[in-house]
Amino acid sequence: QVQLAESGGGLVQPGGSLRLSCAASGSIFSIYAKGWYRQVPGKQRELVAALTSGGISNYAESVKGRFTISRDNAKNTMYLQMNSLRPEDTAVYYCSLGTYYYGTYYPRSDYWGQGTQVTVSS
């Protein structure tokens, strides 16, 4: 069983940066693809960035060029570096583990973090 715990959220001004971390328990972290989602009240959870187990990344158009997903398998930790933040990036951010199938990331239903709030405001 793997448990995920996000950290690094907070309040930042527009144009600022934050780095989210997601620490995983268990020894199977490296075999899974990884994804970061975000959700605002009243809207569906949105996939922001995903990373294959081989290290290939994919991004939502809205964050491309500003966000970077990465992982450190030795530390069982994944990251989301967020630069040039905008008010519309405000959301609760969640990390997940999953798989890729025909180029699409599918999160496992049982491998989610609890979420961390990111607020971008002046």
PDB file of N, CA and C in Angstrom:
ATOM      1  N   GLN A   1       0.839  -1.177   0.000  1.00  0.00           N
ATOM      2  CA  GLN A   1       0.000   0.000   0.000  1.00  0.00           C
ATOM      3  C   GLN A   1       0.889   1.247   0.000  1.00  0.00           C
ATOM      4  N   VAL A   2       0.518   2.207  -0.815  1.00  0.00           N
ATOM      5  CA  VAL A   2       1.284   3.448  -0.921  1.00  0.00           C
ATOM      6  C   VAL A   2       0.439   4.597  -0.403  1.00  0.00           C
ATOM      7  N   GLN A   3       1.019   5.430   0.411  1.00  0.00           N
ATOM      8  CA  GLN A   3       0.363   6.659   0.854  1.00  0.00           C
ATOM      9  C   GLN A   3       1.143   7.841   0.330  1.00  0.00           C
ATOM     10  N   LEU A   4       0.405   8.864  -0.101  1.00  0.00           N
ATOM     11  CA  LEU A   4       0.999  10.063  -0.669  1.00  0.00           C
ATOM     12  C   LEU A   4       0.670  11.275   0.188  1.00  0.00           C
ATOM     13  N   ALA A   5       1.641  12.159   0.350  1.00  0.00           N
ATOM     14  CA  ALA A   5       1.434  13.362   1.167  1.00  0.00           C
ATOM     15  C   ALA A   5       2.052  14.557   0.467  1.00  0.00           C
ATOM     16  N   GLU A   6       1.198  15.537   0.099  1.00  0.00           N
ATOM     17  CA  GLU A   6       1.677  16.743  -0.554  1.00  0.00           C
ATOM     18  C   GLU A   6       2.108  17.774   0.478  1.00  0.00           C
ATOM     19  N   SER A   7       2.984  18.657   0.052  1.00  0.00           N
ATOM     20  CA  SER A   7       3.383  19.811   0.852  1.00  0.00           C
ATOM     21  C   SER A   7       3.863  20.900  -0.103  1.00  0.00           C
ATOM     22  N   GLY A   8       3.987  22.112   0.430  1.00  0.00           N
ATOM     23  CA  GLY A   8       4.541  23.197  -0.357  1.00  0.00           C
ATOM     24  C   GLY A   8       3.544  24.205  -0.863  1.00  0.00           C
ATOM     25  N   GLY A   9       2.264  23.980  -0.625  1.00  0.00           N
ATOM     26  CA  GLY A   9       1.286  24.957  -1.048  1.00  0.00           C
ATOM     27  C   GLY A   9       1.336  26.215  -0.199  1.00  0.00           C
ATOM     28  N   GLY A  10       0.570  27.213  -0.615  1.00  0.00           N
ATOM     29  CA  GLY A  10       0.534  28.452   0.144  1.00  0.00           C
ATOM     30  C   GLY A  10       0.015  29.600  -0.684  1.00  0.00           C
ATOM     31  N   LEU A  11       0.227  30.800  -0.166  1.00  0.00           N
ATOM     32  CA  LEU A  11      -0.202  32.033  -0.824  1.00  0.00           C
ATOM     33  C   LEU A  11       0.997  32.659  -1.525  1.00  0.00           C
ATOM     34  N   VAL A  12       0.825  33.011  -2.785  1.00  0.00           N
ATOM     35  CA  VAL A  12       1.903  33.619  -3.550  1.00  0.00           C
ATOM     36  C   VAL A  12       1.321  34.706  -4.429  1.00  0.00           C
ATOM     37  N   GLN A  13       2.115  35.725  -4.700  1.00  0.00           N
ATOM     38  CA  GLN A  13       1.650  36.810  -5.566  1.00  0.00           C
ATOM     39  C   GLN A  13       1.734  36.387  -7.028  1.00  0.00           C
ATOM     40  N   PRO A  14       0.907  36.999  -7.865  1.00  0.00           N
ATOM     41  CA  PRO A  14       1.006  36.714  -9.314  1.00  0.00           C
ATOM     42  C   PRO A  14       2.430  36.935  -9.804  1.00  0.00           C
ATOM     43  N   GLY A  15       2.883  35.999 -10.644  1.00  0.00           N
ATOM     44  CA  GLY A  15       4.253  36.045 -11.136  1.00  0.00           C
ATOM     45  C   GLY A  15       5.246  35.298 -10.281  1.00  0.00           C
ATOM     46  N   GLY A  16       4.815  34.882  -9.109  1.00  0.00           N
ATOM     47  CA  GLY A  16       5.703  34.178  -8.194  1.00  0.00           C
ATOM     48  C   GLY A  16       5.811  32.699  -8.510  1.00  0.00           C
ATOM     49  N   SER A  17       6.547  31.997  -7.646  1.00  0.00           N
ATOM     50  CA  SER A  17       6.815  30.569  -7.841  1.00  0.00           C
ATOM     51  C   SER A  17       6.535  29.790  -6.568  1.00  0.00           C
ATOM     52  N   LEU A  18       6.190  28.540  -6.748  1.00  0.00           N
ATOM     53  CA  LEU A  18       6.055  27.586  -5.654  1.00  0.00           C
ATOM     54  C   LEU A  18       6.538  26.231  -6.151  1.00  0.00           C
ATOM     55  N   ARG A  19       7.030  25.422  -5.234  1.00  0.00           N
ATOM     56  CA  ARG A  19       7.344  24.041  -5.566  1.00  0.00           C
ATOM     57  C   ARG A  19       6.566  23.119  -4.646  1.00  0.00           C
ATOM     58  N   LEU A  20       5.724  22.312  -5.241  1.00  0.00           N
ATOM     59  CA  LEU A  20       4.982  21.315  -4.488  1.00  0.00           C
ATOM     60  C   LEU A  20       5.774  20.021  -4.440  1.00  0.00           C
ATOM     61  N   SER A  21       5.686  19.351  -3.307  1.00  0.00           N
ATOM     62  CA  SER A  21       6.318  18.049  -3.140  1.00  0.00           C
ATOM     63  C   SER A  21       5.262  17.024  -2.794  1.00  0.00           C
ATOM     64  N   CYS A  22       5.519  15.790  -3.169  1.00  0.00           N
ATOM     65  CA  CYS A  22       4.612  14.691  -2.851  1.00  0.00           C
ATOM     66  C   CYS A  22       5.478  13.509  -2.448  1.00  0.00           C
ATOM     67  N   ALA A  23       5.469  13.206  -1.161  1.00  0.00           N
ATOM     68  CA  ALA A  23       6.272  12.116  -0.634  1.00  0.00           C
ATOM     69  C   ALA A  23       5.431  10.853  -0.558  1.00  0.00           C
ATOM     70  N   ALA A  24       6.003   9.759  -1.010  1.00  0.00           N
ATOM     71  CA  ALA A  24       5.290   8.487  -1.033  1.00  0.00           C
ATOM     72  C   ALA A  24       5.924   7.488  -0.086  1.00  0.00           C
ATOM     73  N   SER A  25       5.081   6.744   0.585  1.00  0.00           N
ATOM     74  CA  SER A  25       5.561   5.620   1.388  1.00  0.00           C
ATOM     75  C   SER A  25       5.587   4.382   0.505  1.00  0.00           C
ATOM     76  N   GLY A  26       6.268   3.343   0.924  1.00  0.00           N
ATOM     77  CA  GLY A  26       6.289   2.121   0.135  1.00  0.00           C
ATOM     78  C   GLY A  26       7.424   2.084  -0.860  1.00  0.00           C
ATOM     79  N   SER A  27       7.645   0.907  -1.431  1.00  0.00           N
ATOM     80  CA  SER A  27       8.814   0.702  -2.280  1.00  0.00           C
ATOM     81  C   SER A  27       8.480   0.598  -3.757  1.00  0.00           C
ATOM     82  N   ILE A  28       7.235   0.876  -4.130  1.00  0.00           N
ATOM     83  CA  ILE A  28       6.840   0.687  -5.521  1.00  0.00           C
ATOM     84  C   ILE A  28       6.644   2.006  -6.249  1.00  0.00           C
ATOM     85  N   PHE A  29       7.092   3.089  -5.636  1.00  0.00           N
ATOM     86  CA  PHE A  29       6.893   4.426  -6.195  1.00  0.00           C
ATOM     87  C   PHE A  29       7.429   4.526  -7.613  1.00  0.00           C
ATOM     88  N   SER A  30       8.610   3.987  -7.859  1.00  0.00           N
ATOM     89  CA  SER A  30       9.285   4.211  -9.135  1.00  0.00           C
ATOM     90  C   SER A  30       8.616   3.532 -10.319  1.00  0.00           C
ATOM     91  N   ILE A  31       7.824   2.503 -10.099  1.00  0.00           N
ATOM     92  CA  ILE A  31       7.264   1.776 -11.232  1.00  0.00           C
ATOM     93  C   ILE A  31       6.021   2.448 -11.811  1.00  0.00           C
ATOM     94  N   TYR A  32       5.473   3.395 -11.096  1.00  0.00           N
ATOM     95  CA  TYR A  32       4.239   4.043 -11.534  1.00  0.00           C
ATOM     96  C   TYR A  32       4.518   5.340 -12.284  1.00  0.00           C
ATOM     97  N   ALA A  33       3.632   5.646 -13.200  1.00  0.00           N
ATOM     98  CA  ALA A  33       3.580   6.998 -13.736  1.00  0.00           C
ATOM     99  C   ALA A  33       3.036   7.919 -12.655  1.00  0.00           C
ATOM    100  N   LYS A  34       3.279   9.192 -12.824  1.00  0.00           N
ATOM    101  CA  LYS A  34       2.901  10.157 -11.794  1.00  0.00           C
ATOM    102  C   LYS A  34       2.134  11.317 -12.392  1.00  0.00           C
ATOM    103  N   GLY A  35       1.204  11.845 -11.611  1.00  0.00           N
ATOM    104  CA  GLY A  35       0.417  12.958 -12.112  1.00  0.00           C
ATOM    105  C   GLY A  35       0.096  13.961 -11.031  1.00  0.00           C
ATOM    106  N   TRP A  36      -0.012  15.203 -11.443  1.00  0.00           N
ATOM    107  CA  TRP A  36      -0.501  16.282 -10.586  1.00  0.00           C
ATOM    108  C   TRP A  36      -1.822  16.791 -11.162  1.00  0.00           C
ATOM    109  N   TYR A  37      -2.808  16.889 -10.293  1.00  0.00           N
ATOM    110  CA  TYR A  37      -4.116  17.416 -10.648  1.00  0.00           C
ATOM    111  C   TYR A  37      -4.386  18.665  -9.816  1.00  0.00           C
ATOM    112  N   ARG A  38      -5.373  19.430 -10.258  1.00  0.00           N
ATOM    113  CA  ARG A  38      -5.863  20.533  -9.443  1.00  0.00           C
ATOM    114  C   ARG A  38      -7.377  20.613  -9.578  1.00  0.00           C
ATOM    115  N   GLN A  39      -7.972  21.199  -8.542  1.00  0.00           N
ATOM    116  CA  GLN A  39      -9.432  21.309  -8.516  1.00  0.00           C
ATOM    117  C   GLN A  39      -9.835  22.586  -7.815  1.00  0.00           C
ATOM    118  N   VAL A  40     -10.792  23.274  -8.424  1.00  0.00           N
ATOM    119  CA  VAL A  40     -11.424  24.432  -7.794  1.00  0.00           C
ATOM    120  C   VAL A  40     -12.864  24.060  -7.487  1.00  0.00           C
ATOM    121  N   PRO A  41     -13.463  24.703  -6.491  1.00  0.00           N
ATOM    122  CA  PRO A  41     -14.832  24.344  -6.114  1.00  0.00           C
ATOM    123  C   PRO A  41     -15.783  24.450  -7.297  1.00  0.00           C
ATOM    124  N   GLY A  42     -16.617  23.431  -7.455  1.00  0.00           N
ATOM    125  CA  GLY A  42     -17.618  23.443  -8.503  1.00  0.00           C
ATOM    126  C   GLY A  42     -17.134  22.969  -9.854  1.00  0.00           C
ATOM    127  N   LYS A  43     -15.853  22.618  -9.946  1.00  0.00           N
ATOM    128  CA  LYS A  43     -15.313  22.144 -11.217  1.00  0.00           C
ATOM    129  C   LYS A  43     -14.691  20.764 -11.054  1.00  0.00           C
ATOM    130  N   GLN A  44     -14.539  20.073 -12.175  1.00  0.00           N
ATOM    131  CA  GLN A  44     -13.914  18.761 -12.153  1.00  0.00           C
ATOM    132  C   GLN A  44     -12.410  18.879 -11.908  1.00  0.00           C
ATOM    133  N   ARG A  45     -11.878  17.823 -11.336  1.00  0.00           N
ATOM    134  CA  ARG A  45     -10.445  17.775 -11.144  1.00  0.00           C
ATOM    135  C   ARG A  45      -9.759  17.753 -12.512  1.00  0.00           C
ATOM    136  N   GLU A  46      -8.707  18.560 -12.654  1.00  0.00           N
ATOM    137  CA  GLU A  46      -8.032  18.754 -13.934  1.00  0.00           C
ATOM    138  C   GLU A  46      -6.604  18.217 -13.860  1.00  0.00           C
ATOM    139  N   LEU A  47      -6.208  17.427 -14.848  1.00  0.00           N
ATOM    140  CA  LEU A  47      -4.829  16.960 -14.921  1.00  0.00           C
ATOM    141  C   LEU A  47      -3.937  18.109 -15.380  1.00  0.00           C
ATOM    142  N   VAL A  48      -2.952  18.428 -14.580  1.00  0.00           N
ATOM    143  CA  VAL A  48      -2.060  19.541 -14.873  1.00  0.00           C
ATOM    144  C   VAL A  48      -0.778  19.049 -15.536  1.00  0.00           C
ATOM    145  N   ALA A  49      -0.203  17.978 -15.004  1.00  0.00           N
ATOM    146  CA  ALA A  49       1.068  17.463 -15.512  1.00  0.00           C
ATOM    147  C   ALA A  49       1.157  15.988 -15.186  1.00  0.00           C
ATOM    148  N   ALA A  50       1.798  15.245 -16.070  1.00  0.00           N
ATOM    149  CA  ALA A  50       1.991  13.819 -15.844  1.00  0.00           C
ATOM    150  C   ALA A  50       3.373  13.418 -16.316  1.00  0.00           C
ATOM    151  N   LEU A  51       3.860  12.347 -15.727  1.00  0.00           N
ATOM    152  CA  LEU A  51       5.220  11.891 -16.001  1.00  0.00           C
ATOM    153  C   LEU A  51       5.201  10.381 -16.122  1.00  0.00           C
ATOM    154  N   THR A  52       5.682   9.862 -17.250  1.00  0.00           N
ATOM    155  CA  THR A  52       5.732   8.414 -17.406  1.00  0.00           C
ATOM    156  C   THR A  52       6.806   7.840 -16.485  1.00  0.00           C
ATOM    157  N   SER A  53       6.749   6.526 -16.274  1.00  0.00           N
ATOM    158  CA  SER A  53       7.766   5.892 -15.439  1.00  0.00           C
ATOM    159  C   SER A  53       9.148   6.025 -16.077  1.00  0.00           C
ATOM    160  N   GLY A  54       9.187   6.247 -17.385  1.00  0.00           N
ATOM    161  CA  GLY A  54      10.451   6.442 -18.080  1.00  0.00           C
ATOM    162  C   GLY A  54      10.935   7.871 -18.096  1.00  0.00           C
ATOM    163  N   GLY A  55      10.129   8.793 -17.542  1.00  0.00           N
ATOM    164  CA  GLY A  55      10.589  10.169 -17.413  1.00  0.00           C
ATOM    165  C   GLY A  55      10.113  11.136 -18.482  1.00  0.00           C
ATOM    166  N   ILE A  56       9.131  10.751 -19.279  1.00  0.00           N
ATOM    167  CA  ILE A  56       8.580  11.659 -20.291  1.00  0.00           C
ATOM    168  C   ILE A  56       7.414  12.424 -19.670  1.00  0.00           C
ATOM    169  N   SER A  57       7.442  13.744 -19.831  1.00  0.00           N
ATOM    170  CA  SER A  57       6.428  14.581 -19.198  1.00  0.00           C
ATOM    171  C   SER A  57       5.415  15.109 -20.209  1.00  0.00           C
ATOM    172  N   ASN A  58       4.229  15.374 -19.706  1.00  0.00           N
ATOM    173  CA  ASN A  58       3.154  15.969 -20.496  1.00  0.00           C
ATOM    174  C   ASN A  58       2.453  17.000 -19.628  1.00  0.00           C
ATOM    175  N   TYR A  59       1.970  18.060 -20.272  1.00  0.00           N
ATOM    176  CA  TYR A  59       1.376  19.173 -19.538  1.00  0.00           C
ATOM    177  C   TYR A  59       0.078  19.628 -20.178  1.00  0.00           C
ATOM    178  N   ALA A  60      -0.801  20.138 -19.331  1.00  0.00           N
ATOM    179  CA  ALA A  60      -1.970  20.829 -19.837  1.00  0.00           C
ATOM    180  C   ALA A  60      -1.517  22.093 -20.546  1.00  0.00           C
ATOM    181  N   GLU A  61      -2.257  22.492 -21.570  1.00  0.00           N
ATOM    182  CA  GLU A  61      -1.875  23.675 -22.340  1.00  0.00           C
ATOM    183  C   GLU A  61      -1.782  24.908 -21.453  1.00  0.00           C
ATOM    184  N   SER A  62      -2.625  24.979 -20.442  1.00  0.00           N
ATOM    185  CA  SER A  62      -2.694  26.169 -19.600  1.00  0.00           C
ATOM    186  C   SER A  62      -1.445  26.375 -18.748  1.00  0.00           C
ATOM    187  N   VAL A  63      -0.643  25.325 -18.566  1.00  0.00           N
ATOM    188  CA  VAL A  63       0.539  25.438 -17.710  1.00  0.00           C
ATOM    189  C   VAL A  63       1.831  25.169 -18.460  1.00  0.00           C
ATOM    190  N   LYS A  64       1.733  24.817 -19.721  1.00  0.00           N
ATOM    191  CA  LYS A  64       2.922  24.471 -20.497  1.00  0.00           C
ATOM    192  C   LYS A  64       3.897  25.650 -20.525  1.00  0.00           C
ATOM    193  N   GLY A  65       5.155  25.357 -20.254  1.00  0.00           N
ATOM    194  CA  GLY A  65       6.173  26.407 -20.223  1.00  0.00           C
ATOM    195  C   GLY A  65       6.313  27.088 -18.879  1.00  0.00           C
ATOM    196  N   ARG A  66       5.381  26.842 -17.968  1.00  0.00           N
ATOM    197  CA  ARG A  66       5.428  27.464 -16.632  1.00  0.00           C
ATOM    198  C   ARG A  66       5.630  26.430 -15.518  1.00  0.00           C
ATOM    199  N   PHE A  67       5.071  25.250 -15.690  1.00  0.00           N
ATOM    200  CA  PHE A  67       5.148  24.197 -14.670  1.00  0.00           C
ATOM    201  C   PHE A  67       6.091  23.092 -15.142  1.00  0.00           C
ATOM    202  N   THR A  68       6.742  22.450 -14.180  1.00  0.00           N
ATOM    203  CA  THR A  68       7.620  21.325 -14.480  1.00  0.00           C
ATOM    204  C   THR A  68       7.386  20.218 -13.467  1.00  0.00           C
ATOM    205  N   ILE A  69       7.092  19.037 -13.975  1.00  0.00           N
ATOM    206  CA  ILE A  69       6.933  17.866 -13.112  1.00  0.00           C
ATOM    207  C   ILE A  69       8.243  17.086 -13.111  1.00  0.00           C
ATOM    208  N   SER A  70       8.584  16.570 -11.945  1.00  0.00           N
ATOM    209  CA  SER A  70       9.806  15.777 -11.843  1.00  0.00           C
ATOM    210  C   SER A  70       9.659  14.776 -10.704  1.00  0.00           C
ATOM    211  N   ARG A  71      10.621  13.881 -10.602  1.00  0.00           N
ATOM    212  CA  ARG A  71      10.576  12.939  -9.497  1.00  0.00           C
ATOM    213  C   ARG A  71      11.992  12.545  -9.113  1.00  0.00           C
ATOM    214  N   ASP A  72      12.124  12.125  -7.871  1.00  0.00           N
ATOM    215  CA  ASP A  72      13.365  11.589  -7.346  1.00  0.00           C
ATOM    216  C   ASP A  72      13.024  10.215  -6.784  1.00  0.00           C
ATOM    217  N   ASN A  73      13.286   9.183  -7.550  1.00  0.00           N
ATOM    218  CA  ASN A  73      12.891   7.848  -7.119  1.00  0.00           C
ATOM    219  C   ASN A  73      13.638   7.406  -5.862  1.00  0.00           C
ATOM    220  N   ALA A  74      14.863   7.894  -5.679  1.00  0.00           N
ATOM    221  CA  ALA A  74      15.625   7.525  -4.491  1.00  0.00           C
ATOM    222  C   ALA A  74      14.974   8.055  -3.221  1.00  0.00           C
ATOM    223  N   LYS A  75      14.258   9.177  -3.359  1.00  0.00           N
ATOM    224  CA  LYS A  75      13.579   9.782  -2.208  1.00  0.00           C
ATOM    225  C   LYS A  75      12.093   9.479  -2.199  1.00  0.00           C
ATOM    226  N   ASN A  76      11.623   8.703  -3.170  1.00  0.00           N
ATOM    227  CA  ASN A  76      10.177   8.417  -3.277  1.00  0.00           C
ATOM    228  C   ASN A  76       9.359   9.709  -3.272  1.00  0.00           C
ATOM    229  N   THR A  77       9.808  10.682  -4.022  1.00  0.00           N
ATOM    230  CA  THR A  77       9.169  11.996  -4.004  1.00  0.00           C
ATOM    231  C   THR A  77       9.000  12.518  -5.423  1.00  0.00           C
ATOM    232  N   MET A  78       7.872  13.136  -5.669  1.00  0.00           N
ATOM    233  CA  MET A  78       7.627  13.816  -6.929  1.00  0.00           C
ATOM    234  C   MET A  78       7.417  15.295  -6.646  1.00  0.00           C
ATOM    235  N   TYR A  79       7.624  16.109  -7.667  1.00  0.00           N
ATOM    236  CA  TYR A  79       7.577  17.555  -7.483  1.00  0.00           C
ATOM    237  C   TYR A  79       6.767  18.204  -8.599  1.00  0.00           C
ATOM    238  N   LEU A  80       6.269  19.388  -8.301  1.00  0.00           N
ATOM    239  CA  LEU A  80       5.690  20.245  -9.317  1.00  0.00           C
ATOM    240  C   LEU A  80       6.235  21.642  -9.086  1.00  0.00           C
ATOM    241  N   GLN A  81       7.146  22.053  -9.948  1.00  0.00           N
ATOM    242  CA  GLN A  81       7.681  23.407  -9.903  1.00  0.00           C
ATOM    243  C   GLN A  81       6.745  24.308 -10.688  1.00  0.00           C
ATOM    244  N   MET A  82       6.239  25.334 -10.037  1.00  0.00           N
ATOM    245  CA  MET A  82       5.271  26.232 -10.661  1.00  0.00           C
ATOM    246  C   MET A  82       5.852  27.640 -10.692  1.00  0.00           C
ATOM    247  N   ASN A  83       6.060  28.153 -11.890  1.00  0.00           N
ATOM    248  CA  ASN A  83       6.601  29.498 -12.090  1.00  0.00           C
ATOM    249  C   ASN A  83       5.579  30.387 -12.784  1.00  0.00           C
ATOM    250  N   SER A  84       5.814  31.670 -12.734  1.00  0.00           N
ATOM    251  CA  SER A  84       4.925  32.646 -13.390  1.00  0.00           C
ATOM    252  C   SER A  84       3.462  32.373 -13.037  1.00  0.00           C
ATOM    253  N   LEU A  85       3.205  32.200 -11.776  1.00  0.00           N
ATOM    254  CA  LEU A  85       1.863  31.831 -11.334  1.00  0.00           C
ATOM    255  C   LEU A  85       0.860  32.944 -11.604  1.00  0.00           C
ATOM    256  N   ARG A  86      -0.356  32.507 -11.904  1.00  0.00           N
ATOM    257  CA  ARG A  86      -1.453  33.417 -12.241  1.00  0.00           C
ATOM    258  C   ARG A  86      -2.606  33.179 -11.270  1.00  0.00           C
ATOM    259  N   PRO A  87      -3.482  34.149 -11.101  1.00  0.00           N
ATOM    260  CA  PRO A  87      -4.632  33.937 -10.219  1.00  0.00           C
ATOM    261  C   PRO A  87      -5.462  32.707 -10.610  1.00  0.00           C
ATOM    262  N   GLU A  88      -5.533  32.407 -11.887  1.00  0.00           N
ATOM    263  CA  GLU A  88      -6.319  31.251 -12.328  1.00  0.00           C
ATOM    264  C   GLU A  88      -5.664  29.915 -11.992  1.00  0.00           C
ATOM    265  N   ASP A  89      -4.433  29.940 -11.468  1.00  0.00           N
ATOM    266  CA  ASP A  89      -3.796  28.712 -10.984  1.00  0.00           C
ATOM    267  C   ASP A  89      -4.245  28.358  -9.566  1.00  0.00           C
ATOM    268  N   THR A  90      -5.007  29.249  -8.945  1.00  0.00           N
ATOM    269  CA  THR A  90      -5.490  28.988  -7.600  1.00  0.00           C
ATOM    270  C   THR A  90      -6.370  27.747  -7.580  1.00  0.00           C
ATOM    271  N   ALA A  91      -6.022  26.796  -6.728  1.00  0.00           N
ATOM    272  CA  ALA A  91      -6.742  25.524  -6.663  1.00  0.00           C
ATOM    273  C   ALA A  91      -6.142  24.679  -5.546  1.00  0.00           C
ATOM    274  N   VAL A  92      -6.805  23.582  -5.260  1.00  0.00           N
ATOM    275  CA  VAL A  92      -6.192  22.535  -4.445  1.00  0.00           C
ATOM    276  C   VAL A  92      -5.476  21.584  -5.402  1.00  0.00           C
ATOM    277  N   TYR A  93      -4.225  21.325  -5.115  1.00  0.00           N
ATOM    278  CA  TYR A  93      -3.408  20.482  -5.978  1.00  0.00           C
ATOM    279  C   TYR A  93      -3.231  19.104  -5.335  1.00  0.00           C
ATOM    280  N   TYR A  94      -3.381  18.081  -6.155  1.00  0.00           N
ATOM    281  CA  TYR A  94      -3.291  16.699  -5.695  1.00  0.00           C
ATOM    282  C   TYR A  94      -2.241  15.938  -6.499  1.00  0.00           C
ATOM    283  N   CYS A  95      -1.507  15.089  -5.841  1.00  0.00           N
ATOM    284  CA  CYS A  95      -0.604  14.187  -6.559  1.00  0.00           C
ATOM    285  C   CYS A  95      -1.239  12.800  -6.638  1.00  0.00           C
ATOM    286  N   SER A  96      -0.811  12.047  -7.630  1.00  0.00           N
ATOM    287  CA  SER A  96      -1.349  10.713  -7.827  1.00  0.00           C
ATOM    288  C   SER A  96      -0.305   9.817  -8.475  1.00  0.00           C
ATOM    289  N   LEU A  97      -0.522   8.526  -8.338  1.00  0.00           N
ATOM    290  CA  LEU A  97       0.246   7.524  -9.066  1.00  0.00           C
ATOM    291  C   LEU A  97      -0.707   6.787  -9.997  1.00  0.00           C
ATOM    292  N   GLY A  98      -0.218   6.385 -11.148  1.00  0.00           N
ATOM    293  CA  GLY A  98      -1.082   5.718 -12.089  1.00  0.00           C
ATOM    294  C   GLY A  98      -0.315   5.044 -13.196  1.00  0.00           C
ATOM    295  N   THR A  99      -0.979   4.906 -14.330  1.00  0.00           N
ATOM    296  CA  THR A  99      -0.376   4.265 -15.489  1.00  0.00           C
ATOM    297  C   THR A  99      -0.702   5.054 -16.747  1.00  0.00           C
ATOM    298  N   TYR A 100       0.097   4.844 -17.748  1.00  0.00           N
ATOM    299  CA  TYR A 100      -0.180   5.374 -19.074  1.00  0.00           C
ATOM    300  C   TYR A 100      -0.725   4.239 -19.935  1.00  0.00           C
ATOM    301  N   TYR A 101      -1.724   4.555 -20.703  1.00  0.00           N
ATOM    302  CA  TYR A 101      -2.304   3.591 -21.639  1.00  0.00           C
ATOM    303  C   TYR A 101      -2.603   4.328 -22.926  1.00  0.00           C
ATOM    304  N   TYR A 102      -1.918   3.915 -23.984  1.00  0.00           N
ATOM    305  CA  TYR A 102      -2.056   4.575 -25.282  1.00  0.00           C
ATOM    306  C   TYR A 102      -1.906   6.096 -25.157  1.00  0.00           C
ATOM    307  N   GLY A 103      -0.906   6.522 -24.426  1.00  0.00           N
ATOM    308  CA  GLY A 103      -0.578   7.936 -24.358  1.00  0.00           C
ATOM    309  C   GLY A 103      -1.419   8.751 -23.400  1.00  0.00           C
ATOM    310  N   THR A 104      -2.312   8.110 -22.681  1.00  0.00           N
ATOM    311  CA  THR A 104      -3.165   8.827 -21.729  1.00  0.00           C
ATOM    312  C   THR A 104      -2.857   8.353 -20.309  1.00  0.00           C
ATOM    313  N   TYR A 105      -2.782   9.331 -19.393  1.00  0.00           N
ATOM    314  CA  TYR A 105      -2.495   9.008 -17.999  1.00  0.00           C
ATOM    315  C   TYR A 105      -3.788   8.659 -17.270  1.00  0.00           C
ATOM    316  N   TYR A 106      -3.771   7.531 -16.553  1.00  0.00           N
ATOM    317  CA  TYR A 106      -4.905   7.082 -15.748  1.00  0.00           C
ATOM    318  C   TYR A 106      -4.448   6.935 -14.302  1.00  0.00           C
ATOM    319  N   PRO A 107      -4.991   7.753 -13.405  1.00  0.00           N
ATOM    320  CA  PRO A 107      -4.580   7.621 -12.008  1.00  0.00           C
ATOM    321  C   PRO A 107      -5.229   6.405 -11.360  1.00  0.00           C
ATOM    322  N   ARG A 108      -4.515   5.798 -10.446  1.00  0.00           N
ATOM    323  CA  ARG A 108      -5.123   4.738  -9.641  1.00  0.00           C
ATOM    324  C   ARG A 108      -6.073   5.384  -8.643  1.00  0.00           C
ATOM    325  N   SER A 109      -7.172   4.712  -8.398  1.00  0.00           N
ATOM    326  CA  SER A 109      -8.195   5.288  -7.519  1.00  0.00           C
ATOM    327  C   SER A 109      -7.725   5.332  -6.066  1.00  0.00           C
ATOM    328  N   ASP A 110      -6.756   4.491  -5.712  1.00  0.00           N
ATOM    329  CA  ASP A 110      -6.340   4.385  -4.317  1.00  0.00           C
ATOM    330  C   ASP A 110      -5.011   5.076  -4.025  1.00  0.00           C
ATOM    331  N   TYR A 111      -4.436   5.742  -5.017  1.00  0.00           N
ATOM    332  CA  TYR A 111      -3.131   6.391  -4.807  1.00  0.00           C
ATOM    333  C   TYR A 111      -3.251   7.897  -5.077  1.00  0.00           C
ATOM    334  N   TRP A 112      -3.822   8.583  -4.088  1.00  0.00           N
ATOM    335  CA  TRP A 112      -3.980  10.033  -4.143  1.00  0.00           C
ATOM    336  C   TRP A 112      -3.476  10.644  -2.848  1.00  0.00           C
ATOM    337  N   GLY A 113      -2.934  11.841  -2.976  1.00  0.00           N
ATOM    338  CA  GLY A 113      -2.622  12.606  -1.789  1.00  0.00           C
ATOM    339  C   GLY A 113      -3.863  13.322  -1.277  1.00  0.00           C
ATOM    340  N   GLN A 114      -3.687  14.010  -0.149  1.00  0.00           N
ATOM    341  CA  GLN A 114      -4.825  14.681   0.489  1.00  0.00           C
ATOM    342  C   GLN A 114      -5.066  16.072  -0.080  1.00  0.00           C
ATOM    343  N   GLY A 115      -4.137  16.580  -0.849  1.00  0.00           N
ATOM    344  CA  GLY A 115      -4.294  17.886  -1.471  1.00  0.00           C
ATOM    345  C   GLY A 115      -3.591  18.991  -0.699  1.00  0.00           C
ATOM    346  N   THR A 116      -3.125  19.991  -1.426  1.00  0.00           N
ATOM    347  CA  THR A 116      -2.517  21.164  -0.820  1.00  0.00           C
ATOM    348  C   THR A 116      -3.032  22.413  -1.550  1.00  0.00           C
ATOM    349  N   GLN A 117      -3.404  23.419  -0.784  1.00  0.00           N
ATOM    350  CA  GLN A 117      -4.003  24.627  -1.355  1.00  0.00           C
ATOM    351  C   GLN A 117      -2.921  25.549  -1.912  1.00  0.00           C
ATOM    352  N   VAL A 118      -3.146  26.001  -3.127  1.00  0.00           N
ATOM    353  CA  VAL A 118      -2.307  27.032  -3.740  1.00  0.00           C
ATOM    354  C   VAL A 118      -3.200  28.218  -4.050  1.00  0.00           C
ATOM    355  N   THR A 119      -2.844  29.364  -3.520  1.00  0.00           N
ATOM    356  CA  THR A 119      -3.600  30.585  -3.756  1.00  0.00           C
ATOM    357  C   THR A 119      -2.681  31.636  -4.359  1.00  0.00           C
ATOM    358  N   VAL A 120      -3.072  32.134  -5.521  1.00  0.00           N
ATOM    359  CA  VAL A 120      -2.288  33.159  -6.207  1.00  0.00           C
ATOM    360  C   VAL A 120      -3.091  34.452  -6.176  1.00  0.00           C
ATOM    361  N   SER A 121      -2.603  35.392  -5.409  1.00  0.00           N
ATOM    362  CA  SER A 121      -3.347  36.627  -5.210  1.00  0.00           C
ATOM    363  C   SER A 121      -2.415  37.726  -4.737  1.00  0.00           C
ATOM    364  N   SER A 122      -2.748  38.952  -5.133  1.00  0.00           N
ATOM    365  CA  SER A 122      -1.977  40.099  -4.657  1.00  0.00           C
ATOM    366  C   SER A 122      -2.623  40.695  -3.410  1.00  0.00           C
TER     367      SER A 122
END
